[in-house]
Amino acid sequence: MTRKYKVLFLCRENSARSIIAEALLRELAGHRFDAFSAGPEPAARVHPFAVAQLRPGISDLGVLSPKSWLEFTGEWAPRMDLVIALDDSVDARHAPAFPGAPPSCIWNFADPLAVEISESERVRLFDKVFWQIVRQVSGFIELPEYTTPPSATVNAASICAPIVSAHGATTCDA
């Protein structure tokens, strides 16, 4: 059996952006990736607007749930090949140490839950962020580094360099 790349998406509450990224990576390239998501302050449930965005195309919504990033820090935790923060508040400077010290990247997306806006504006922002994440994940799975099974060592520079955030910024910590 071929080993899959393990990717952990981080977001503060792990109820929207990171859940969307996890679900999309699993759905679009689950044969090559094991996708996970977590955050420092996990919400009680996946946000209903995130579920609404995912429902039309994601086959298994039941596996999605907010989790603490501490679930991925022990000896028993799966060793990630890459950790992707979806905003600056959970990047490598703020995240705990993950087993194997995987490289980390930042994809900055607006937080559709952060600002006090009307429900109709929130729905539009969720839609916008959802499609930004779709584009980012789609581009990520097409990177040549991920077309073959992972090796024992990962070159952080080659993994992070081509990854560009929704705002055009690329960030990598190795």
Protein backbone atom coordinates (compact mmCIF):
# COMPACT_ATOMS: atom_id res chain seq x y z
CA MET A 1 0.00 0.00 0.00
CA THR A 2 1.25 3.46 -0.91
CA ARG A 3 1.60 5.96 1.90
CA LYS A 4 -0.44 9.15 1.59
CA TYR A 5 0.63 12.67 2.41
CA LYS A 6 -0.79 13.81 5.75
CA VAL A 7 -1.91 17.44 5.80
CA LEU A 8 -3.23 19.31 8.83
CA PHE A 9 -5.24 22.52 8.32
CA LEU A 10 -5.34 24.95 11.25
CA CYS A 11 -7.90 27.60 12.07
CA ARG A 12 -8.79 29.21 15.40
CA GLU A 13 -12.19 27.57 16.03
CA ASN A 14 -11.87 24.80 13.44
CA SER A 15 -15.52 25.26 12.46
CA ALA A 16 -15.39 26.75 8.97
CA ARG A 17 -12.25 27.45 6.87
CA SER A 18 -10.11 24.54 8.10
CA ILE A 19 -13.09 22.18 7.96
CA ILE A 20 -13.79 23.27 4.37
CA ALA A 21 -10.14 22.74 3.40
CA GLU A 22 -10.04 19.31 5.07
CA ALA A 23 -13.25 18.20 3.34
CA LEU A 24 -12.17 19.45 -0.07
CA LEU A 25 -8.72 17.86 0.07
CA ARG A 26 -10.24 14.57 1.18
CA GLU A 27 -12.90 14.69 -1.55
CA LEU A 28 -10.70 15.89 -4.41
CA ALA A 29 -7.58 13.82 -3.71
CA GLY A 30 -8.29 11.41 -0.87
CA HIS A 31 -6.42 8.71 -2.75
CA ARG A 32 -3.19 10.72 -2.25
CA PHE A 33 -3.86 12.71 0.94
CA ASP A 34 -5.07 12.13 4.47
CA ALA A 35 -6.58 15.46 5.50
CA PHE A 36 -7.12 16.68 9.05
CA SER A 37 -8.12 19.96 10.66
CA ALA A 38 -7.85 21.43 14.14
CA GLY A 39 -7.59 24.64 16.11
CA PRO A 40 -6.62 26.07 19.50
CA GLU A 41 -10.23 26.92 20.48
CA PRO A 42 -12.41 24.31 18.75
CA ALA A 43 -16.07 25.18 18.39
CA ALA A 44 -18.82 22.87 19.59
CA ARG A 45 -19.84 22.02 16.03
CA VAL A 46 -19.10 22.70 12.38
CA HIS A 47 -20.65 26.02 11.42
CA PRO A 48 -23.96 25.53 9.54
CA PHE A 49 -22.85 27.84 6.70
CA ALA A 50 -19.75 25.67 6.17
CA VAL A 51 -21.97 22.59 6.04
CA ALA A 52 -24.24 24.36 3.55
CA GLN A 53 -21.27 25.14 1.30
CA LEU A 54 -19.98 21.57 1.47
CA ARG A 55 -23.24 19.64 1.29
CA PRO A 56 -23.63 19.65 -2.54
CA GLY A 57 -20.26 18.05 -3.30
CA ILE A 58 -18.83 16.33 -0.23
CA SER A 59 -19.72 12.68 0.15
CA ASP A 60 -19.03 12.22 3.87
CA LEU A 61 -19.86 15.23 6.00
CA GLY A 62 -20.24 12.98 9.05
CA VAL A 63 -16.47 12.71 9.58
CA LEU A 64 -16.07 16.47 9.99
CA SER A 65 -15.89 17.88 13.50
CA PRO A 66 -13.96 20.62 15.30
CA LYS A 67 -10.90 19.28 17.13
CA SER A 68 -8.19 20.71 19.35
CA TRP A 69 -4.78 20.93 17.77
CA LEU A 70 -3.45 19.21 20.91
CA GLU A 71 -4.93 15.97 19.52
CA PHE A 72 -2.11 16.11 16.94
CA THR A 73 0.81 16.75 19.31
CA GLY A 74 1.37 13.49 21.22
CA GLU A 75 3.61 10.55 20.36
CA TRP A 76 0.54 8.65 19.19
CA ALA A 77 -0.61 11.42 16.85
CA PRO A 78 -0.24 10.92 13.10
CA ARG A 79 2.94 12.48 11.73
CA MET A 80 2.02 15.26 9.35
CA ASP A 81 3.89 15.98 6.15
CA LEU A 82 2.61 19.54 6.05
CA VAL A 83 0.71 21.90 8.36
CA ILE A 84 -1.26 24.70 6.71
CA ALA A 85 -2.52 27.61 8.80
CA LEU A 86 -5.49 29.43 7.33
CA ASP A 87 -4.80 32.69 9.14
CA ASP A 88 -1.94 34.38 10.98
CA SER A 89 -3.36 33.68 14.44
CA VAL A 90 -2.58 29.96 14.14
CA ASP A 91 0.67 29.97 12.17
CA ALA A 92 3.84 28.16 13.24
CA ARG A 93 4.75 30.90 15.74
CA HIS A 94 1.53 30.22 17.64
CA ALA A 95 0.96 26.50 17.03
CA PRO A 96 2.27 23.75 19.28
CA ALA A 97 5.08 21.46 18.19
CA PHE A 98 3.79 18.65 16.00
CA PRO A 99 5.56 15.26 15.88
CA GLY A 100 8.30 15.17 13.27
CA ALA A 101 8.39 18.99 13.04
CA PRO A 102 6.57 19.15 9.69
CA PRO A 103 6.98 22.23 7.50
CA SER A 104 4.19 24.77 7.78
CA CYS A 105 2.64 27.25 5.37
CA ILE A 106 0.08 30.02 5.71
CA TRP A 107 -2.87 30.48 3.39
CA ASN A 108 -4.58 33.64 4.63
CA PHE A 109 -8.32 33.70 4.11
CA ALA A 110 -10.79 36.16 5.60
CA ASP A 111 -12.62 34.80 8.63
CA PRO A 112 -16.33 34.78 7.78
CA LEU A 113 -17.11 34.51 11.50
CA ALA A 114 -14.80 37.25 12.81
CA VAL A 115 -16.70 40.42 12.10
CA GLU A 116 -20.16 41.49 13.09
CA ILE A 117 -21.99 41.56 9.79
CA SER A 118 -25.50 40.86 8.64
CA GLU A 119 -26.50 37.27 7.87
CA SER A 120 -26.76 38.00 4.15
CA GLU A 121 -23.25 39.50 4.14
CA ARG A 122 -21.98 36.50 6.12
CA VAL A 123 -23.47 34.11 3.55
CA ARG A 124 -21.73 36.03 0.75
CA LEU A 125 -18.42 36.00 2.65
CA PHE A 126 -18.72 32.25 3.28
CA ASP A 127 -19.35 31.75 -0.43
CA LYS A 128 -16.35 33.89 -1.39
CA VAL A 129 -13.99 32.17 1.07
CA PHE A 130 -15.27 28.73 0.05
CA TRP A 131 -14.36 29.35 -3.60
CA GLN A 132 -10.97 30.80 -2.62
CA ILE A 133 -10.25 27.61 -0.67
CA VAL A 134 -11.46 25.48 -3.60
CA ARG A 135 -8.97 27.25 -5.90
CA GLN A 136 -6.14 26.98 -3.39
CA VAL A 137 -6.70 23.28 -2.64
CA SER A 138 -7.10 22.50 -6.35
CA GLY A 139 -3.79 24.20 -7.12
CA PHE A 140 -2.11 22.51 -4.18
CA ILE A 141 -3.03 18.97 -5.29
CA GLU A 142 -1.63 19.71 -8.76
CA LEU A 143 1.85 20.58 -7.46
CA PRO A 144 4.41 18.13 -8.84
CA GLU A 145 5.71 17.47 -5.30
CA TYR A 146 2.45 15.70 -4.50
CA THR A 147 2.00 13.50 -7.56
CA THR A 148 4.19 10.72 -6.14
CA PRO A 149 4.05 9.05 -2.71
CA PRO A 150 5.91 10.93 0.05
CA SER A 151 9.46 9.98 0.87
CA ALA A 152 10.84 9.65 4.38
CA THR A 153 12.14 13.22 4.25
CA VAL A 154 10.30 16.20 2.91
CA ASN A 155 11.99 19.20 1.33
CA ALA A 156 10.15 22.11 2.96
CA ALA A 157 11.37 24.68 0.46
CA SER A 158 10.00 22.78 -2.51
CA ILE A 159 6.67 22.15 -0.78
CA CYS A 160 6.02 25.68 0.44
CA ALA A 161 7.56 27.79 -2.28
CA PRO A 162 4.84 27.31 -4.90
CA ILE A 163 1.96 27.70 -2.47
CA VAL A 164 0.37 31.13 -2.80
CA SER A 165 -2.30 32.41 -0.43
CA ALA A 166 -5.64 33.85 -1.46
CA HIS A 167 -4.08 37.31 -1.09
CA GLY A 168 -0.97 36.47 -3.12
CA ALA A 169 1.36 35.98 -0.14
CA THR A 170 3.44 32.88 0.32
CA THR A 171 4.76 31.96 3.73
CA CYS A 172 6.70 28.91 4.85
CA ASP A 173 8.27 27.89 8.12
CA ALA A 174 10.55 24.90 8.04
